[in-house]
Amino acid sequence: MNSDKKFWYLRNHQLYNTLSDNELDSLCIIASYKEGKKGDIINFTDRENELLYSVKEGTFKICYQDDNAHEIISEILTQGDLFGRIHLSRKGNNNRDEYAKVISDTFKICSFEAEKFKEMLKNNPDLSLKYSDYISEKMESFQMKYTDLVFKDVYTRVADFYKRYAFHSAKATGNSADMEMILTHQEIADYIAASRQTVTQIINTLVAEGKIIYQGRKRVIIPDMQKL
């Protein structure tokens, strides 16, 4: 990707839009770009240098395998999200072997070596503050997810998943949503910690109740977010 396109992308990213032109130029120099297709996997543990990834286009699921080799989905990420194994302190390292798997037809991402990105954070207080805010929001999202697993039944978790997916995909307008659902029933089940059969039954119930509408296999309409 040429420098003009790199500059345009970083300028329009929520994390970097407070940087000066000179700072963006410096960031462009250390950034690497990659494009690919559905099914591609990015492993976080097979590189000598840890990397921070920023999603330009596409949708990813962040996964790990449990002791029975079953895939567990911890996050669903879309445009503007960050992922990887960057740690501001070595004490924060997690030995769990997570990886990112592309679930959209194509994707575009940029990446930064963690050490170089940390230097950028040290030298730019505004960038450091925005990055800290992003990490705080991510931690709140994790906390909400695992609270849901403890206190909410599967029906509610499925309904909440559709609402959050609509909000996170920026497809919610007012009190309704019209979106492309690229996750399979199995992937939804893996994300909310339920069986595929149960998730399918609940989705069918939500359709019968008119709370979600499937048009074709992927287009989903939520007529009223408050009733879902």
C-alpha atoms as a PDB file:
ATOM      1  CA  MET A   1       0.000   0.000   0.000  1.00  0.00           C
ATOM      2  CA  ASN A   2       1.485   3.377  -0.968  1.00  0.00           C
ATOM      3  CA  SER A   3       2.144   6.095   1.601  1.00  0.00           C
ATOM      4  CA  ASP A   4      -0.842   8.232   0.509  1.00  0.00           C
ATOM      5  CA  LYS A   5      -3.282   5.384   1.190  1.00  0.00           C
ATOM      6  CA  LYS A   6      -1.604   4.590   4.508  1.00  0.00           C
ATOM      7  CA  PHE A   7      -1.870   8.230   5.531  1.00  0.00           C
ATOM      8  CA  TRP A   8      -5.555   8.400   4.542  1.00  0.00           C
ATOM      9  CA  TYR A   9      -6.421   5.272   6.487  1.00  0.00           C
ATOM     10  CA  LEU A  10      -4.617   6.285   9.658  1.00  0.00           C
ATOM     11  CA  ARG A  11      -6.013   9.811   9.520  1.00  0.00           C
ATOM     12  CA  ASN A  12      -9.539   8.373   9.435  1.00  0.00           C
ATOM     13  CA  HIS A  13      -8.995   5.850  12.229  1.00  0.00           C
ATOM     14  CA  GLN A  14     -10.532   6.814  15.572  1.00  0.00           C
ATOM     15  CA  LEU A  15      -7.338   6.033  17.480  1.00  0.00           C
ATOM     16  CA  TYR A  16      -4.950   8.073  15.361  1.00  0.00           C
ATOM     17  CA  ASN A  17      -7.040  11.047  14.257  1.00  0.00           C
ATOM     18  CA  THR A  18      -5.510  13.355  16.894  1.00  0.00           C
ATOM     19  CA  LEU A  19      -1.976  12.874  15.572  1.00  0.00           C
ATOM     20  CA  SER A  20      -0.207  15.577  13.597  1.00  0.00           C
ATOM     21  CA  ASP A  21       0.775  15.019   9.968  1.00  0.00           C
ATOM     22  CA  ASN A  22       4.406  14.447  10.982  1.00  0.00           C
ATOM     23  CA  GLU A  23       3.373  11.914  13.622  1.00  0.00           C
ATOM     24  CA  LEU A  24       1.185  10.108  11.087  1.00  0.00           C
ATOM     25  CA  ASP A  25       4.108  10.029   8.673  1.00  0.00           C
ATOM     26  CA  SER A  26       6.197   8.345  11.374  1.00  0.00           C
ATOM     27  CA  LEU A  27       3.424   5.848  12.052  1.00  0.00           C
ATOM     28  CA  CYS A  28       3.127   5.060   8.341  1.00  0.00           C
ATOM     29  CA  ILE A  29       6.816   4.162   8.251  1.00  0.00           C
ATOM     30  CA  ILE A  30       6.481   1.492  10.952  1.00  0.00           C
ATOM     31  CA  ALA A  31       3.133   0.127   9.733  1.00  0.00           C
ATOM     32  CA  SER A  32       2.764  -3.020   7.622  1.00  0.00           C
ATOM     33  CA  TYR A  33      -0.348  -3.819   5.619  1.00  0.00           C
ATOM     34  CA  LYS A  34      -1.955  -7.104   4.689  1.00  0.00           C
ATOM     35  CA  GLU A  35      -4.972  -8.202   2.670  1.00  0.00           C
ATOM     36  CA  GLY A  36      -6.564 -11.622   2.500  1.00  0.00           C
ATOM     37  CA  LYS A  37      -9.685 -13.731   2.290  1.00  0.00           C
ATOM     38  CA  LYS A  38     -12.201 -15.648   4.376  1.00  0.00           C
ATOM     39  CA  GLY A  39     -10.700 -18.425   6.467  1.00  0.00           C
ATOM     40  CA  ASP A  40      -7.235 -16.871   6.768  1.00  0.00           C
ATOM     41  CA  ILE A  41      -5.732 -17.223  10.243  1.00  0.00           C
ATOM     42  CA  ILE A  42      -3.407 -14.851  12.068  1.00  0.00           C
ATOM     43  CA  ASN A  43      -1.551 -16.534  14.918  1.00  0.00           C
ATOM     44  CA  PHE A  44      -0.349 -14.317  17.753  1.00  0.00           C
ATOM     45  CA  THR A  45       2.359 -16.677  18.976  1.00  0.00           C
ATOM     46  CA  ASP A  46       4.321 -17.575  15.847  1.00  0.00           C
ATOM     47  CA  ARG A  47       6.248 -14.285  15.546  1.00  0.00           C
ATOM     48  CA  GLU A  48       9.418 -13.201  17.267  1.00  0.00           C
ATOM     49  CA  ASN A  49       8.030  -9.669  17.633  1.00  0.00           C
ATOM     50  CA  GLU A  50       4.597  -9.117  19.113  1.00  0.00           C
ATOM     51  CA  LEU A  51       2.300  -7.135  16.850  1.00  0.00           C
ATOM     52  CA  LEU A  52      -0.714  -4.902  17.295  1.00  0.00           C
ATOM     53  CA  TYR A  53      -3.254  -5.206  14.458  1.00  0.00           C
ATOM     54  CA  SER A  54      -5.765  -2.602  13.356  1.00  0.00           C
ATOM     55  CA  VAL A  55      -8.743  -3.628  11.211  1.00  0.00           C
ATOM     56  CA  LYS A  56      -9.358  -1.501   8.124  1.00  0.00           C
ATOM     57  CA  GLU A  57     -11.936  -3.782   6.465  1.00  0.00           C
ATOM     58  CA  GLY A  58     -13.460  -7.141   7.315  1.00  0.00           C
ATOM     59  CA  THR A  59     -14.681  -9.132  10.304  1.00  0.00           C
ATOM     60  CA  PHE A  60     -12.611 -11.394  12.544  1.00  0.00           C
ATOM     61  CA  LYS A  61     -13.298 -13.807  15.345  1.00  0.00           C
ATOM     62  CA  ILE A  62     -10.712 -14.085  18.104  1.00  0.00           C
ATOM     63  CA  CYS A  63     -10.502 -17.720  19.193  1.00  0.00           C
ATOM     64  CA  TYR A  64      -8.701 -20.251  21.306  1.00  0.00           C
ATOM     65  CA  GLN A  65      -9.147 -23.972  21.778  1.00  0.00           C
ATOM     66  CA  ASP A  66     -10.214 -25.555  25.054  1.00  0.00           C
ATOM     67  CA  ASP A  67      -8.800 -28.788  26.462  1.00  0.00           C
ATOM     68  CA  ASN A  68     -11.095 -30.786  24.165  1.00  0.00           C
ATOM     69  CA  ALA A  69      -9.869 -28.937  21.045  1.00  0.00           C
ATOM     70  CA  HIS A  70     -13.205 -27.122  20.797  1.00  0.00           C
ATOM     71  CA  GLU A  71     -12.987 -23.623  19.377  1.00  0.00           C
ATOM     72  CA  ILE A  72     -14.036 -20.889  21.813  1.00  0.00           C
ATOM     73  CA  ILE A  73     -14.776 -17.411  20.433  1.00  0.00           C
ATOM     74  CA  SER A  74     -13.801 -14.609  22.797  1.00  0.00           C
ATOM     75  CA  GLU A  75     -14.410 -11.597  20.530  1.00  0.00           C
ATOM     76  CA  ILE A  76     -15.947 -10.521  17.246  1.00  0.00           C
ATOM     77  CA  LEU A  77     -14.045  -7.610  15.668  1.00  0.00           C
ATOM     78  CA  THR A  78     -14.877  -5.288  12.771  1.00  0.00           C
ATOM     79  CA  GLN A  79     -13.589  -2.101  11.151  1.00  0.00           C
ATOM     80  CA  GLY A  80     -11.680   0.152  13.538  1.00  0.00           C
ATOM     81  CA  ASP A  81     -11.018  -2.550  16.154  1.00  0.00           C
ATOM     82  CA  LEU A  82      -7.597  -3.538  17.454  1.00  0.00           C
ATOM     83  CA  PHE A  83      -6.285  -6.968  18.338  1.00  0.00           C
ATOM     84  CA  GLY A  84      -3.050  -8.789  19.063  1.00  0.00           C
ATOM     85  CA  ARG A  85      -0.824  -9.492  22.056  1.00  0.00           C
ATOM     86  CA  ILE A  86       0.606  -6.089  22.895  1.00  0.00           C
ATOM     87  CA  HIS A  87       1.258  -5.604  26.623  1.00  0.00           C
ATOM     88  CA  LEU A  88       2.385  -2.413  28.290  1.00  0.00           C
ATOM     89  CA  SER A  89       3.973  -4.650  30.912  1.00  0.00           C
ATOM     90  CA  ARG A  90       5.438  -8.132  30.545  1.00  0.00           C
ATOM     91  CA  LYS A  91       3.455  -9.084  33.661  1.00  0.00           C
ATOM     92  CA  GLY A  92       0.315  -8.983  31.537  1.00  0.00           C
ATOM     93  CA  ASN A  93       1.269 -11.806  29.206  1.00  0.00           C
ATOM     94  CA  ASN A  94      -1.310 -14.520  28.683  1.00  0.00           C
ATOM     95  CA  ASN A  95      -0.120 -18.003  27.743  1.00  0.00           C
ATOM     96  CA  ARG A  96      -3.388 -18.927  26.081  1.00  0.00           C
ATOM     97  CA  ASP A  97      -2.769 -19.439  22.346  1.00  0.00           C
ATOM     98  CA  GLU A  98      -5.318 -17.136  20.762  1.00  0.00           C
ATOM     99  CA  TYR A  99      -5.611 -16.527  17.052  1.00  0.00           C
ATOM    100  CA  ALA A 100      -7.697 -14.389  14.708  1.00  0.00           C
ATOM    101  CA  LYS A 101      -9.757 -16.028  11.952  1.00  0.00           C
ATOM    102  CA  VAL A 102     -11.334 -14.087   9.092  1.00  0.00           C
ATOM    103  CA  ILE A 103     -15.091 -14.633   8.733  1.00  0.00           C
ATOM    104  CA  SER A 104     -15.806 -11.967   6.106  1.00  0.00           C
ATOM    105  CA  ASP A 105     -15.120 -12.555   2.407  1.00  0.00           C
ATOM    106  CA  THR A 106     -12.035 -10.304   2.459  1.00  0.00           C
ATOM    107  CA  PHE A 107     -10.056  -8.227   4.930  1.00  0.00           C
ATOM    108  CA  LYS A 108      -7.468  -5.467   5.161  1.00  0.00           C
ATOM    109  CA  ILE A 109      -5.396  -4.819   8.269  1.00  0.00           C
ATOM    110  CA  CYS A 110      -2.343  -2.850   9.290  1.00  0.00           C
ATOM    111  CA  SER A 111       0.091  -3.939  11.983  1.00  0.00           C
ATOM    112  CA  PHE A 112       2.742  -2.376  14.182  1.00  0.00           C
ATOM    113  CA  GLU A 113       5.576  -3.965  16.120  1.00  0.00           C
ATOM    114  CA  ALA A 114       4.601  -3.698  19.769  1.00  0.00           C
ATOM    115  CA  GLU A 115       7.873  -2.150  20.915  1.00  0.00           C
ATOM    116  CA  LYS A 116       7.710   0.585  18.280  1.00  0.00           C
ATOM    117  CA  PHE A 117       4.067   1.266  19.082  1.00  0.00           C
ATOM    118  CA  LYS A 118       4.918   1.549  22.781  1.00  0.00           C
ATOM    119  CA  GLU A 119       7.486   4.189  21.896  1.00  0.00           C
ATOM    120  CA  MET A 120       4.765   6.094  20.051  1.00  0.00           C
ATOM    121  CA  LEU A 121       2.582   5.912  23.167  1.00  0.00           C
ATOM    122  CA  LYS A 122       5.395   7.201  25.391  1.00  0.00           C
ATOM    123  CA  ASN A 123       6.025  10.152  23.092  1.00  0.00           C
ATOM    124  CA  ASN A 124       2.383  11.078  22.497  1.00  0.00           C
ATOM    125  CA  PRO A 125       0.162  11.582  25.589  1.00  0.00           C
ATOM    126  CA  ASP A 126      -3.015  12.050  23.523  1.00  0.00           C
ATOM    127  CA  LEU A 127      -2.472   8.765  21.677  1.00  0.00           C
ATOM    128  CA  SER A 128      -1.646   7.016  24.958  1.00  0.00           C
ATOM    129  CA  LEU A 129      -4.861   8.308  26.547  1.00  0.00           C
ATOM    130  CA  LYS A 130      -7.027   7.200  23.606  1.00  0.00           C
ATOM    131  CA  TYR A 131      -5.384   3.779  23.596  1.00  0.00           C
ATOM    132  CA  SER A 132      -6.004   3.448  27.348  1.00  0.00           C
ATOM    133  CA  ASP A 133      -9.652   4.399  26.822  1.00  0.00           C
ATOM    134  CA  TYR A 134      -9.947   1.754  24.099  1.00  0.00           C
ATOM    135  CA  ILE A 135      -8.479  -0.920  26.384  1.00  0.00           C
ATOM    136  CA  SER A 136     -10.846   0.134  29.184  1.00  0.00           C
ATOM    137  CA  GLU A 137     -13.840  -0.217  26.863  1.00  0.00           C
ATOM    138  CA  LYS A 138     -12.629  -3.655  25.810  1.00  0.00           C
ATOM    139  CA  MET A 139     -12.274  -4.764  29.429  1.00  0.00           C
ATOM    140  CA  GLU A 140     -15.803  -3.534  30.187  1.00  0.00           C
ATOM    141  CA  SER A 141     -17.063  -5.540  27.207  1.00  0.00           C
ATOM    142  CA  PHE A 142     -15.342  -8.692  28.509  1.00  0.00           C
ATOM    143  CA  GLN A 143     -16.786  -8.139  31.956  1.00  0.00           C
ATOM    144  CA  MET A 144     -20.284  -7.712  30.533  1.00  0.00           C
ATOM    145  CA  LYS A 145     -19.954 -10.877  28.453  1.00  0.00           C
ATOM    146  CA  TYR A 146     -18.902 -13.068  31.349  1.00  0.00           C
ATOM    147  CA  THR A 147     -21.500 -11.523  33.660  1.00  0.00           C
ATOM    148  CA  ASP A 148     -24.104 -12.491  31.060  1.00  0.00           C
ATOM    149  CA  LEU A 149     -22.843 -16.095  31.100  1.00  0.00           C
ATOM    150  CA  VAL A 150     -23.437 -16.272  34.840  1.00  0.00           C
ATOM    151  CA  PHE A 151     -26.712 -14.406  35.229  1.00  0.00           C
ATOM    152  CA  LYS A 152     -28.614 -14.649  31.916  1.00  0.00           C
ATOM    153  CA  ASP A 153     -30.340 -17.611  30.290  1.00  0.00           C
ATOM    154  CA  VAL A 154     -29.521 -18.699  26.751  1.00  0.00           C
ATOM    155  CA  TYR A 155     -32.607 -17.032  25.229  1.00  0.00           C
ATOM    156  CA  THR A 156     -31.541 -13.656  26.624  1.00  0.00           C
ATOM    157  CA  ARG A 157     -27.914 -14.166  25.594  1.00  0.00           C
ATOM    158  CA  VAL A 158     -28.948 -14.876  21.993  1.00  0.00           C
ATOM    159  CA  ALA A 159     -31.202 -11.809  21.900  1.00  0.00           C
ATOM    160  CA  ASP A 160     -28.474  -9.632  23.433  1.00  0.00           C
ATOM    161  CA  PHE A 161     -25.970 -10.973  20.906  1.00  0.00           C
ATOM    162  CA  TYR A 162     -28.087  -9.714  17.992  1.00  0.00           C
ATOM    163  CA  LYS A 163     -28.485  -6.288  19.604  1.00  0.00           C
ATOM    164  CA  ARG A 164     -24.763  -5.929  20.302  1.00  0.00           C
ATOM    165  CA  TYR A 165     -23.864  -7.199  16.844  1.00  0.00           C
ATOM    166  CA  ALA A 166     -26.136  -4.551  15.306  1.00  0.00           C
ATOM    167  CA  PHE A 167     -24.663  -1.814  17.488  1.00  0.00           C
ATOM    168  CA  HIS A 168     -21.049  -2.895  16.983  1.00  0.00           C
ATOM    169  CA  SER A 169     -21.499  -3.225  13.217  1.00  0.00           C
ATOM    170  CA  ALA A 170     -22.868   0.340  13.093  1.00  0.00           C
ATOM    171  CA  LYS A 171     -26.015  -0.935  11.406  1.00  0.00           C
ATOM    172  CA  ALA A 172     -28.469   0.226  14.061  1.00  0.00           C
ATOM    173  CA  THR A 173     -30.471   3.338  13.102  1.00  0.00           C
ATOM    174  CA  GLY A 174     -32.843   4.690  15.702  1.00  0.00           C
ATOM    175  CA  ASN A 175     -34.685   1.763  17.228  1.00  0.00           C
ATOM    176  CA  SER A 176     -34.230  -0.678  14.319  1.00  0.00           C
ATOM    177  CA  ALA A 177     -31.367  -2.404  12.538  1.00  0.00           C
ATOM    178  CA  ASP A 178     -30.678  -3.853   9.101  1.00  0.00           C
ATOM    179  CA  MET A 179     -27.460  -5.846   8.888  1.00  0.00           C
ATOM    180  CA  GLU A 180     -25.538  -8.691   7.319  1.00  0.00           C
ATOM    181  CA  MET A 181     -25.110 -11.627   9.694  1.00  0.00           C
ATOM    182  CA  ILE A 182     -21.976 -13.426   8.593  1.00  0.00           C
ATOM    183  CA  LEU A 183     -21.701 -15.665  11.656  1.00  0.00           C
ATOM    184  CA  THR A 184     -23.116 -19.176  11.492  1.00  0.00           C
ATOM    185  CA  HIS A 185     -25.345 -20.598  14.219  1.00  0.00           C
ATOM    186  CA  GLN A 186     -22.356 -22.601  15.421  1.00  0.00           C
ATOM    187  CA  GLU A 187     -20.215 -19.465  15.718  1.00  0.00           C
ATOM    188  CA  ILE A 188     -22.948 -17.661  17.646  1.00  0.00           C
ATOM    189  CA  ALA A 189     -23.152 -20.687  19.936  1.00  0.00           C
ATOM    190  CA  ASP A 190     -19.380 -20.691  20.420  1.00  0.00           C
ATOM    191  CA  TYR A 191     -19.487 -16.996  21.308  1.00  0.00           C
ATOM    192  CA  ILE A 192     -22.253 -17.190  23.923  1.00  0.00           C
ATOM    193  CA  ALA A 193     -21.226 -20.606  25.315  1.00  0.00           C
ATOM    194  CA  ALA A 194     -24.271 -22.616  24.262  1.00  0.00           C
ATOM    195  CA  SER A 195     -24.988 -25.582  21.999  1.00  0.00           C
ATOM    196  CA  ARG A 196     -25.692 -25.013  18.317  1.00  0.00           C
ATOM    197  CA  GLN A 197     -29.001 -26.891  18.573  1.00  0.00           C
ATOM    198  CA  THR A 198     -30.217 -24.644  21.399  1.00  0.00           C
ATOM    199  CA  VAL A 199     -29.125 -21.481  19.578  1.00  0.00           C
ATOM    200  CA  THR A 200     -30.916 -22.576  16.402  1.00  0.00           C
ATOM    201  CA  GLN A 201     -34.104 -23.265  18.353  1.00  0.00           C
ATOM    202  CA  ILE A 202     -33.981 -19.841  20.004  1.00  0.00           C
ATOM    203  CA  ILE A 203     -33.291 -18.054  16.707  1.00  0.00           C
ATOM    204  CA  ASN A 204     -36.319 -19.820  15.217  1.00  0.00           C
ATOM    205  CA  THR A 205     -38.360 -18.681  18.227  1.00  0.00           C
ATOM    206  CA  LEU A 206     -37.195 -15.060  17.795  1.00  0.00           C
ATOM    207  CA  VAL A 207     -38.164 -15.228  14.111  1.00  0.00           C
ATOM    208  CA  ALA A 208     -41.587 -16.675  14.979  1.00  0.00           C
ATOM    209  CA  GLU A 209     -42.102 -13.887  17.518  1.00  0.00           C
ATOM    210  CA  GLY A 210     -41.231 -11.282  14.878  1.00  0.00           C
ATOM    211  CA  LYS A 211     -38.336  -9.947  16.950  1.00  0.00           C
ATOM    212  CA  ILE A 212     -35.825 -10.673  14.174  1.00  0.00           C
ATOM    213  CA  ILE A 213     -36.444 -11.143  10.466  1.00  0.00           C
ATOM    214  CA  TYR A 214     -34.171 -13.128   8.171  1.00  0.00           C
ATOM    215  CA  GLN A 215     -34.286 -12.151   4.493  1.00  0.00           C
ATOM    216  CA  GLY A 216     -32.274 -14.820   2.743  1.00  0.00           C
ATOM    217  CA  ARG A 217     -29.487 -16.514   4.672  1.00  0.00           C
ATOM    218  CA  LYS A 218     -27.523 -13.475   5.843  1.00  0.00           C
ATOM    219  CA  ARG A 219     -29.616 -10.313   5.894  1.00  0.00           C
ATOM    220  CA  VAL A 220     -31.156  -9.748   9.328  1.00  0.00           C
ATOM    221  CA  ILE A 221     -33.623  -7.032  10.307  1.00  0.00           C
ATOM    222  CA  ILE A 222     -34.431  -6.109  13.893  1.00  0.00           C
ATOM    223  CA  PRO A 223     -37.714  -4.168  13.693  1.00  0.00           C
ATOM    224  CA  ASP A 224     -37.644  -2.936  17.299  1.00  0.00           C
ATOM    225  CA  MET A 225     -34.475  -3.115  19.378  1.00  0.00           C
ATOM    226  CA  GLN A 226     -36.373  -2.462  22.615  1.00  0.00           C
ATOM    227  CA  LYS A 227     -38.638  -5.474  22.083  1.00  0.00           C
ATOM    228  CA  LEU A 228     -35.787  -7.855  21.324  1.00  0.00           C
END
